[in-house]
Amino acid sequence: MKPDPDRQALIDQMTERFRKKLEEQYTDDNATLEQIEEAVERIGQDILLELQKKLTNKRAKKPRDNKIDCSCGKKARFRGMETKTLITRHGLLPWKRATYYCDACRSGSAPLDRSLGLDHGETTRQVRLWAAFLAPLLGFAQAAEALRTLREIDLSSSTIERIAVSVGTSLRKAQREEADLHQKDRLPDKRTACPQRLYIGADGIMTPLREPWKKDASLGNLTCRFGECKTGVVYETSIDKQGRDSRVRIRAYTATMEGIETFEPLLATLAHRCGHHAAKEVIVLGDGAIWIWYLFGRQFPGAIQILDFYHACEHLARVANAMYGKETDLSRQWQKARQAQLKANGVAEVVQLIRAWEPADEVHREIRRIESAYFADNAERMRYQTYLQKGYQIGSGVVEATCKHVVHQRLDQAGMHWRIPTAEAIVTLRAAQLSTSPTDLRPHLAMVA
């Protein structure tokens, strides 16, 4: 290969520049490790940023054409040399490059931007990756401060939000496309471990939202409300010496602000990726919400369905308090006895006792009707003695913890209220990152105008 004199000149120039930097900032023999570390970092940052600028501007100095082909099929004419500034991992990178304008389609372009693999973003892909990683874990302002502290990169909280929404939206689109393939039995199968026992849980948690609004009040007053974020988890357990499921190992999370028509295929695909189709036992856990059991029945027809024991106890408490008064000794005694019956596979006896109760007013008669139907309808999901003998978990604590961990800890902090698209993007990213095998975000970093 013929030597490139310009390339060699740049190498020589940067080598000399590095030597001078070392001479200027070389630490003495009494320097502490902290001082040495700071000096090395300072020298490295200066050299790397300068090298990045020279390499980029070298590309920009190549001969240009007065006219170029436009994507519309016409010709775009040279408009001038314009400066573009990008925020990179090494600092601000400004460079001048030729820009063109097409009179036919009235659009501008910069061929060098395309050849450098740039899009409409103001940051490089690596900076966006860091922003998309931090945004779902911290507040937007905290993420900006973290980047300043750790990398000396100065991004505004609004820029970080914009990046996170773009990446999260792209990731959710890809997840929905994958879920659509799964529902049509066209998802390419990947080699996966064969779990002995796999748990799948689902629940909903309320999240503070707001209607479209602007700070200048041009869209009216701020109107806030709560909306449900449907959340799912797939996990495995370790079996202790007594043969019971004990320590939990989370496999993956999912969450969405959309309805059941979106959540159901997302959870089903997540479970498939975790090997539910190959598991020897699949157990689905939930509270008494009808939508959860319909989902489980459609997507996991052979699974063992368990209704959260503590949720059942809440219904017992409602009946007992209506019978004997709230938190009275008789109420507590009745609840304790019925809980023991449930754990002895005695749900039929519990239903019989509730139906035998003769309330004096219509309000209490309605409680009797609702609660007796609740236990009767869920009887097959309340065989707690059988479940405990097999070592199964009978509480949905992992599911409730998922709601808090994935959604509440990020979206429901003091003073927060979210636009639905922003909330959807953040829970998408957060669920993906908190899973045992975080999703690779690099395919989703492109910024669209």
Protein backbone atom coordinates (compact mmCIF):
# COMPACT_ATOMS: atom_id res chain seq x y z
CA MET A 1 0.00 0.00 0.00
CA LYS A 2 1.35 3.42 -0.97
CA PRO A 3 2.12 5.57 2.11
CA ASP A 4 -0.26 8.51 2.69
CA PRO A 5 1.89 11.57 3.45
CA ASP A 6 -1.04 13.46 5.00
CA ARG A 7 -1.80 10.53 7.29
CA GLN A 8 1.82 10.22 8.34
CA ALA A 9 2.04 13.98 8.91
CA LEU A 10 -1.00 13.83 11.19
CA ILE A 11 0.50 10.93 13.16
CA ASP A 12 3.78 12.83 13.57
CA GLN A 13 1.93 15.98 14.57
CA MET A 14 -0.15 14.22 17.22
CA THR A 15 2.89 12.35 18.53
CA GLU A 16 4.71 15.64 19.00
CA ARG A 17 1.62 17.18 20.56
CA PHE A 18 1.38 14.26 23.00
CA ARG A 19 5.06 14.65 23.91
CA LYS A 20 4.60 18.36 24.67
CA LYS A 21 1.54 17.66 26.79
CA LEU A 22 3.50 15.12 28.80
CA GLU A 23 6.31 17.60 29.32
CA GLU A 24 3.89 20.33 30.43
CA GLN A 25 1.81 18.24 32.80
CA TYR A 26 4.18 15.48 33.87
CA THR A 27 3.77 14.98 37.62
CA ASP A 28 6.72 15.12 40.03
CA ASP A 29 7.93 12.21 42.13
CA ASN A 30 5.92 13.42 45.14
CA ALA A 31 2.55 13.34 43.37
CA THR A 32 -0.26 11.34 44.93
CA LEU A 33 -2.14 8.71 42.96
CA GLU A 34 -5.09 11.08 42.71
CA GLN A 35 -2.88 13.80 41.17
CA ILE A 36 -1.36 11.29 38.74
CA GLU A 37 -4.83 10.07 37.76
CA GLU A 38 -6.09 13.62 37.17
CA ALA A 39 -3.04 14.50 35.05
CA VAL A 40 -3.39 11.38 32.90
CA GLU A 41 -7.10 12.03 32.39
CA ARG A 42 -6.49 15.68 31.47
CA ILE A 43 -3.76 14.83 28.97
CA GLY A 44 -5.83 12.04 27.47
CA GLN A 45 -8.95 14.18 27.05
CA ASP A 46 -7.04 17.01 25.37
CA ILE A 47 -5.24 14.70 22.97
CA LEU A 48 -8.33 12.62 22.12
CA LEU A 49 -10.53 15.66 21.44
CA GLU A 50 -7.84 17.29 19.29
CA LEU A 51 -7.30 14.08 17.33
CA GLN A 52 -11.05 13.69 16.80
CA LYS A 53 -11.30 17.26 15.50
CA LYS A 54 -8.37 16.84 13.10
CA LEU A 55 -9.64 13.54 11.69
CA THR A 56 -13.15 14.92 11.20
CA ASN A 57 -12.02 18.20 9.62
CA LYS A 58 -9.65 16.26 7.37
CA ARG A 59 -12.73 14.57 5.90
CA ALA A 60 -14.43 17.95 5.47
CA LYS A 61 -11.54 19.43 3.44
CA LYS A 62 -11.92 17.01 0.56
CA PRO A 63 -12.87 18.57 -2.83
CA ARG A 64 -16.56 19.33 -3.20
CA ASP A 65 -18.97 19.41 -6.16
CA ASN A 66 -21.06 22.42 -7.10
CA LYS A 67 -24.07 20.15 -7.62
CA ILE A 68 -25.00 16.72 -6.27
CA ASP A 69 -27.82 14.27 -6.88
CA CYS A 70 -30.81 14.81 -4.58
CA SER A 71 -32.94 11.97 -3.22
CA CYS A 72 -35.92 13.40 -5.13
CA GLY A 73 -34.15 12.74 -8.45
CA LYS A 74 -33.18 16.36 -9.15
CA LYS A 75 -29.95 18.23 -8.52
CA ALA A 76 -29.07 20.06 -5.31
CA ARG A 77 -26.74 23.06 -5.58
CA PHE A 78 -23.93 24.03 -3.23
CA ARG A 79 -25.20 26.48 -0.60
CA GLY A 80 -22.08 27.13 1.45
CA MET A 81 -19.83 25.87 4.22
CA GLU A 82 -21.75 25.56 7.48
CA THR A 83 -20.52 24.67 10.94
CA LYS A 84 -22.01 21.71 12.77
CA THR A 85 -21.28 21.11 16.44
CA LEU A 86 -21.72 17.69 17.97
CA ILE A 87 -21.46 16.60 21.60
CA THR A 88 -19.10 13.62 21.67
CA ARG A 89 -17.65 11.45 24.42
CA HIS A 90 -14.49 13.59 24.22
CA GLY A 91 -16.20 16.99 24.27
CA LEU A 92 -17.64 19.50 21.78
CA LEU A 93 -16.72 18.75 18.17
CA PRO A 94 -17.29 21.62 15.66
CA TRP A 95 -16.45 21.26 11.96
CA LYS A 96 -17.28 22.98 8.70
CA ARG A 97 -18.74 21.01 5.83
CA ALA A 98 -20.37 21.67 2.50
CA THR A 99 -24.17 21.95 2.47
CA TYR A 100 -26.53 21.74 -0.48
CA TYR A 101 -30.08 22.85 -1.25
CA CYS A 102 -32.58 21.38 -3.69
CA ASP A 103 -35.07 23.89 -5.16
CA ALA A 104 -37.29 21.06 -6.42
CA CYS A 105 -38.06 19.42 -3.05
CA ARG A 106 -36.94 22.38 -0.90
CA SER A 107 -34.68 20.33 1.32
CA GLY A 108 -31.11 20.77 2.47
CA SER A 109 -28.44 18.15 2.92
CA ALA A 110 -24.84 17.69 4.02
CA PRO A 111 -23.21 14.69 2.30
CA LEU A 112 -20.36 14.57 4.84
CA ASP A 113 -22.87 14.02 7.66
CA ARG A 114 -24.19 10.95 5.88
CA SER A 115 -20.71 9.60 5.15
CA LEU A 116 -19.82 10.02 8.84
CA GLY A 117 -22.93 8.03 9.80
CA LEU A 118 -24.65 11.00 11.46
CA ASP A 119 -28.37 11.58 11.79
CA HIS A 120 -30.42 14.51 13.10
CA GLY A 121 -29.14 14.24 16.65
CA GLU A 122 -26.87 16.73 18.39
CA THR A 123 -24.91 13.94 20.10
CA THR A 124 -22.90 10.91 19.02
CA ARG A 125 -24.35 7.45 19.41
CA GLN A 126 -22.12 6.69 22.40
CA VAL A 127 -23.35 9.78 24.27
CA ARG A 128 -26.93 8.79 23.46
CA LEU A 129 -26.28 5.29 24.76
CA TRP A 130 -25.12 6.75 28.08
CA ALA A 131 -28.14 9.09 28.24
CA ALA A 132 -30.57 6.25 27.43
CA PHE A 133 -28.92 4.12 30.11
CA LEU A 134 -29.13 6.79 32.84
CA ALA A 135 -32.54 8.33 32.07
CA PRO A 136 -34.71 5.39 33.21
CA LEU A 137 -32.59 4.84 36.32
CA LEU A 138 -32.40 8.47 37.47
CA GLY A 139 -34.42 11.62 36.99
CA PHE A 140 -33.58 13.55 33.82
CA ALA A 141 -31.82 16.29 35.80
CA GLN A 142 -29.93 13.69 37.84
CA ALA A 143 -28.89 11.90 34.65
CA ALA A 144 -27.54 15.19 33.28
CA GLU A 145 -25.59 15.76 36.50
CA ALA A 146 -24.24 12.20 36.38
CA LEU A 147 -22.89 12.73 32.86
CA ARG A 148 -21.27 16.01 33.90
CA THR A 149 -19.69 14.38 36.95
CA LEU A 150 -18.55 11.14 35.36
CA ARG A 151 -17.69 12.21 31.80
CA GLU A 152 -17.68 16.04 31.81
CA ILE A 153 -20.42 15.96 29.17
CA ASP A 154 -22.87 18.84 29.42
CA LEU A 155 -26.37 17.85 28.30
CA SER A 156 -29.57 19.54 29.39
CA SER A 157 -32.26 17.48 31.10
CA SER A 158 -34.59 18.17 28.16
CA THR A 159 -31.99 16.75 25.72
CA ILE A 160 -31.65 13.62 27.84
CA GLU A 161 -35.43 13.27 27.94
CA ARG A 162 -35.62 13.65 24.16
CA ILE A 163 -32.96 10.98 23.65
CA ALA A 164 -34.60 8.59 26.12
CA VAL A 165 -38.02 8.98 24.51
CA SER A 166 -36.56 8.35 21.04
CA VAL A 167 -34.64 5.24 22.13
CA GLY A 168 -37.48 3.88 24.29
CA THR A 169 -40.02 4.41 21.51
CA SER A 170 -37.80 2.58 19.01
CA LEU A 171 -37.27 -0.29 21.45
CA ARG A 172 -41.00 -0.63 22.13
CA LYS A 173 -41.71 -0.69 18.40
CA ALA A 174 -39.22 -3.54 17.98
CA GLN A 175 -40.74 -5.40 20.94
CA ARG A 176 -44.23 -5.09 19.50
CA GLU A 177 -43.05 -6.36 16.13
CA GLU A 178 -41.43 -9.34 17.83
CA ALA A 179 -44.60 -9.94 19.86
CA ASP A 180 -46.67 -9.87 16.67
CA LEU A 181 -44.45 -12.56 15.16
CA HIS A 182 -44.78 -14.63 18.32
CA GLN A 183 -48.57 -14.43 18.26
CA LYS A 184 -48.52 -15.63 14.66
CA ASP A 185 -46.11 -18.50 15.51
CA ARG A 186 -43.51 -16.97 13.21
CA LEU A 187 -40.95 -15.90 15.83
CA PRO A 188 -37.52 -17.41 15.04
CA ASP A 189 -36.71 -19.78 17.87
CA LYS A 190 -33.55 -19.12 19.84
CA ARG A 191 -31.73 -21.69 21.91
CA THR A 192 -32.86 -21.23 25.49
CA ALA A 193 -32.36 -22.95 28.82
CA CYS A 194 -35.02 -25.44 29.92
CA PRO A 195 -36.31 -24.17 33.28
CA GLN A 196 -37.46 -26.69 35.86
CA ARG A 197 -40.14 -24.35 37.18
CA LEU A 198 -40.98 -20.94 35.73
CA TYR A 199 -43.19 -18.31 37.35
CA ILE A 200 -45.07 -15.63 35.42
CA GLY A 201 -46.78 -12.74 37.20
CA ALA A 202 -48.83 -9.73 36.14
CA ASP A 203 -50.37 -6.74 37.88
CA GLY A 204 -51.22 -3.10 37.36
CA ILE A 205 -50.00 0.00 39.19
CA MET A 206 -51.41 3.51 38.97
CA THR A 207 -49.12 6.17 37.52
CA PRO A 208 -49.53 9.99 37.55
CA LEU A 209 -50.22 11.29 34.05
CA ARG A 210 -51.17 14.63 32.54
CA GLU A 211 -53.18 15.76 29.58
CA PRO A 212 -51.44 17.74 26.78
CA TRP A 213 -50.17 20.95 28.35
CA LYS A 214 -47.61 23.72 27.88
CA LYS A 215 -45.92 25.90 30.48
CA ASP A 216 -47.21 29.06 28.76
CA ALA A 217 -50.80 27.80 29.35
CA SER A 218 -51.53 27.97 25.61
CA LEU A 219 -53.24 24.58 25.90
CA GLY A 220 -55.15 25.48 29.05
CA ASN A 221 -54.61 24.57 32.67
CA LEU A 222 -52.58 21.59 33.79
CA THR A 223 -54.88 18.58 34.20
CA CYS A 224 -53.49 15.53 35.97
CA ARG A 225 -54.94 12.06 36.36
CA PHE A 226 -53.85 8.52 37.14
CA GLY A 227 -53.50 5.79 34.56
CA GLU A 228 -52.69 2.12 34.96
CA CYS A 229 -49.29 0.76 33.99
CA LYS A 230 -49.57 -2.97 33.35
CA THR A 231 -46.46 -4.78 34.58
CA GLY A 232 -45.20 -8.33 34.14
CA VAL A 233 -42.34 -10.43 35.47
CA VAL A 234 -40.88 -13.84 34.62
CA TYR A 235 -38.74 -15.50 37.28
CA GLU A 236 -37.33 -18.75 38.62
CA THR A 237 -36.68 -19.92 42.17
CA SER A 238 -34.19 -22.01 44.08
CA ILE A 239 -35.54 -25.00 46.00
CA ASP A 240 -34.54 -25.20 49.69
CA LYS A 241 -33.88 -28.33 51.78
CA GLN A 242 -37.60 -28.70 52.54
CA GLY A 243 -38.40 -28.78 48.83
CA ARG A 244 -39.97 -25.30 48.81
CA ASP A 245 -39.33 -22.53 46.35
CA SER A 246 -37.23 -19.93 48.12
CA ARG A 247 -34.68 -17.56 46.62
CA VAL A 248 -35.97 -15.73 43.55
CA ARG A 249 -33.99 -15.19 40.35
CA ILE A 250 -35.60 -12.59 38.11
CA ARG A 251 -35.38 -13.40 34.41
CA ALA A 252 -37.10 -10.43 32.80
CA TYR A 253 -39.59 -7.58 33.22
CA THR A 254 -42.02 -5.80 30.93
CA ALA A 255 -44.33 -2.84 31.46
CA THR A 256 -46.60 -0.66 29.34
CA MET A 257 -49.03 2.24 29.69
CA GLU A 258 -51.05 0.75 26.81
CA GLY A 259 -54.02 -1.57 27.19
CA ILE A 260 -54.28 -5.33 27.50
CA GLU A 261 -54.07 -5.74 23.71
CA THR A 262 -50.47 -4.47 23.90
CA PHE A 263 -49.45 -5.93 27.25
CA GLU A 264 -50.63 -9.49 26.60
CA PRO A 265 -48.42 -10.29 23.59
CA LEU A 266 -45.47 -8.48 25.22
CA LEU A 267 -45.69 -10.69 28.32
CA ALA A 268 -46.26 -13.83 26.25
CA THR A 269 -43.18 -13.12 24.12
CA LEU A 270 -41.10 -12.35 27.21
CA ALA A 271 -42.09 -15.68 28.75
CA HIS A 272 -41.28 -17.47 25.49
CA ARG A 273 -37.80 -15.92 25.44
CA CYS A 274 -37.34 -17.17 29.02
CA GLY A 275 -38.24 -20.71 27.95
CA HIS A 276 -41.79 -21.17 29.23
CA HIS A 277 -42.54 -23.44 26.25
CA ALA A 278 -39.73 -25.76 27.41
CA ALA A 279 -40.27 -25.50 31.19
CA LYS A 280 -41.35 -28.61 33.08
CA GLU A 281 -43.73 -26.53 35.21
CA VAL A 282 -45.21 -23.08 34.53
CA ILE A 283 -46.95 -21.24 37.37
CA VAL A 284 -48.90 -18.02 36.90
CA LEU A 285 -49.57 -15.78 39.89
CA GLY A 286 -51.92 -12.83 40.20
CA ASP A 287 -54.56 -11.11 42.26
CA GLY A 288 -58.29 -11.26 41.57
CA ALA A 289 -58.34 -8.97 38.51
CA ILE A 290 -60.35 -10.65 35.76
CA TRP A 291 -58.10 -9.38 32.96
CA ILE A 292 -55.10 -11.16 34.46
CA TRP A 293 -56.78 -14.59 34.44
CA TYR A 294 -58.16 -14.13 30.94
CA LEU A 295 -54.62 -13.27 29.79
CA PHE A 296 -53.11 -16.27 31.55
CA GLY A 297 -55.78 -18.56 30.16
CA ARG A 298 -55.19 -17.44 26.59
CA GLN A 299 -51.40 -17.32 26.59
CA PHE A 300 -50.47 -20.08 29.08
CA PRO A 301 -53.33 -22.60 28.92
CA GLY A 302 -51.39 -25.42 30.60
CA ALA A 303 -50.03 -23.34 33.47
CA ILE A 304 -50.88 -23.80 37.16
CA GLN A 305 -52.93 -20.79 38.23
CA ILE A 306 -52.46 -19.49 41.79
CA LEU A 307 -54.37 -16.59 43.27
CA ASP A 308 -52.26 -14.56 45.67
CA PHE A 309 -53.04 -15.79 49.20
CA TYR A 310 -52.70 -12.35 50.75
CA HIS A 311 -55.15 -10.91 48.27
CA ALA A 312 -57.63 -13.62 49.26
CA CYS A 313 -57.04 -12.66 52.91
CA GLU A 314 -58.04 -9.07 52.10
CA HIS A 315 -61.39 -10.37 50.88
CA LEU A 316 -61.80 -12.40 54.05
CA ALA A 317 -61.14 -9.22 56.04
CA ARG A 318 -63.85 -7.37 54.14
CA VAL A 319 -66.41 -10.05 55.02
CA ALA A 320 -65.29 -10.30 58.66
CA ASN A 321 -65.40 -6.53 59.19
CA ALA A 322 -68.88 -6.40 57.69
CA MET A 323 -70.01 -9.25 59.96
CA TYR A 324 -68.45 -8.20 63.27
CA GLY A 325 -67.21 -4.64 62.90
CA LYS A 326 -63.88 -3.34 61.68
CA GLU A 327 -60.84 -4.79 63.50
CA THR A 328 -62.79 -6.27 66.39
CA ASP A 329 -61.62 -9.41 68.20
CA LEU A 330 -64.44 -11.43 66.64
CA SER A 331 -63.46 -10.16 63.18
CA ARG A 332 -59.82 -11.15 63.69
CA GLN A 333 -60.79 -14.57 65.05
CA TRP A 334 -63.08 -15.24 62.08
CA GLN A 335 -60.36 -14.22 59.61
CA LYS A 336 -57.75 -16.42 61.29
CA ALA A 337 -60.05 -19.43 61.19
CA ARG A 338 -60.94 -18.89 57.51
CA GLN A 339 -57.30 -18.43 56.55
CA ALA A 340 -56.55 -21.80 58.12
CA GLN A 341 -59.40 -23.30 56.13
CA LEU A 342 -58.04 -21.86 52.89
CA LYS A 343 -54.60 -23.33 53.62
CA ALA A 344 -56.30 -26.70 54.17
CA ASN A 345 -57.97 -26.63 50.72
CA GLY A 346 -61.22 -25.64 52.41
CA VAL A 347 -62.40 -22.92 50.06
CA ALA A 348 -65.78 -24.69 49.69
CA GLU A 349 -66.37 -24.39 53.44
CA VAL A 350 -65.44 -20.70 53.31
CA VAL A 351 -67.95 -20.10 50.52
CA GLN A 352 -70.61 -21.98 52.46
CA LEU A 353 -70.04 -19.88 55.60
CA ILE A 354 -70.23 -16.61 53.67
CA ARG A 355 -73.46 -17.66 51.96
CA ALA A 356 -74.94 -18.74 55.31
CA TRP A 357 -74.44 -15.22 56.71
CA GLU A 358 -77.73 -13.29 56.92
CA PRO A 359 -76.99 -9.53 56.75
CA ALA A 360 -79.60 -7.05 57.95
CA ASP A 361 -79.19 -4.45 55.18
CA GLU A 362 -78.71 -4.26 51.43
CA VAL A 363 -75.12 -2.97 51.63
CA HIS A 364 -73.97 -6.04 53.55
CA ARG A 365 -76.03 -8.36 51.36
CA GLU A 366 -74.14 -6.98 48.36
CA ILE A 367 -70.84 -7.70 50.14
CA ARG A 368 -72.01 -11.28 50.74
CA ARG A 369 -72.95 -11.70 47.09
CA ILE A 370 -69.67 -10.27 45.74
CA GLU A 371 -67.35 -12.07 48.14
CA SER A 372 -69.04 -15.47 47.96
CA ALA A 373 -68.82 -15.26 44.16
CA TYR A 374 -65.17 -14.22 44.41
CA PHE A 375 -64.17 -17.32 46.40
CA ALA A 376 -66.40 -19.65 44.39
CA ASP A 377 -65.09 -18.38 41.02
CA ASN A 378 -61.46 -18.65 42.13
CA ALA A 379 -61.75 -21.96 44.00
CA GLU A 380 -59.40 -23.81 41.60
CA ARG A 381 -56.78 -21.12 42.13
CA MET A 382 -57.00 -21.41 45.94
CA ARG A 383 -55.84 -24.98 46.53
CA TYR A 384 -53.16 -23.64 48.84
CA GLN A 385 -52.50 -26.85 50.74
CA THR A 386 -51.74 -28.64 47.47
CA TYR A 387 -49.53 -25.79 46.28
CA LEU A 388 -47.58 -25.65 49.55
CA GLN A 389 -47.06 -29.40 49.56
CA LYS A 390 -45.50 -29.11 46.12
CA GLY A 391 -43.30 -26.24 47.31
CA TYR A 392 -44.95 -23.55 45.18
CA GLN A 393 -45.08 -19.90 46.17
CA ILE A 394 -48.63 -18.77 46.99
CA GLY A 395 -47.96 -15.04 47.35
CA SER A 396 -47.51 -12.48 44.59
CA GLY A 397 -44.89 -10.50 46.49
CA VAL A 398 -42.48 -10.69 43.55
CA VAL A 399 -45.15 -9.26 41.25
CA GLU A 400 -45.96 -6.39 43.63
CA ALA A 401 -42.25 -5.70 44.10
CA THR A 402 -41.95 -5.58 40.30
CA CYS A 403 -44.56 -2.82 40.13
CA LYS A 404 -42.65 -0.78 42.71
CA HIS A 405 -39.20 -1.51 41.30
CA VAL A 406 -39.92 -1.02 37.60
CA VAL A 407 -42.63 1.66 37.70
CA HIS A 408 -43.22 3.36 41.05
CA GLN A 409 -39.59 4.13 41.94
CA ARG A 410 -39.11 6.08 38.70
CA LEU A 411 -42.53 7.36 37.62
CA ASP A 412 -44.32 8.13 40.87
CA GLN A 413 -42.00 10.47 42.73
CA ALA A 414 -42.97 13.78 44.34
CA GLY A 415 -44.35 16.29 41.84
CA MET A 416 -44.13 13.98 38.82
CA HIS A 417 -46.79 13.82 36.12
CA TRP A 418 -46.11 12.29 32.74
CA ARG A 419 -47.12 12.53 29.12
CA ILE A 420 -48.11 9.01 28.08
CA PRO A 421 -45.48 8.73 25.28
CA THR A 422 -42.71 9.75 27.71
CA ALA A 423 -43.93 7.39 30.43
CA GLU A 424 -44.19 4.55 27.90
CA ALA A 425 -40.63 5.11 26.68
CA ILE A 426 -39.20 5.25 30.21
CA VAL A 427 -40.93 2.09 31.51
CA THR A 428 -39.88 0.30 28.31
CA LEU A 429 -36.23 1.21 28.91
CA ARG A 430 -36.39 0.59 32.65
CA ALA A 431 -37.98 -2.86 32.33
CA ALA A 432 -35.40 -3.83 29.70
CA GLN A 433 -32.42 -2.59 31.72
CA LEU A 434 -33.49 -4.09 35.04
CA SER A 435 -33.96 -7.53 33.50
CA THR A 436 -31.22 -10.09 34.12
CA SER A 437 -29.99 -9.81 30.53
CA PRO A 438 -30.41 -6.12 29.59
CA THR A 439 -31.45 -5.36 26.02
CA ASP A 440 -28.80 -4.03 23.64
CA LEU A 441 -29.92 -0.45 22.97
CA ARG A 442 -27.45 0.25 20.15
CA PRO A 443 -29.88 -0.64 17.32
CA HIS A 444 -32.29 2.00 18.66
CA LEU A 445 -30.01 5.04 18.96
CA ALA A 446 -30.81 6.81 15.67
CA MET A 447 -32.50 10.19 16.11
CA VAL A 448 -35.27 10.95 13.63
CA ALA A 449 -36.12 14.52 12.61
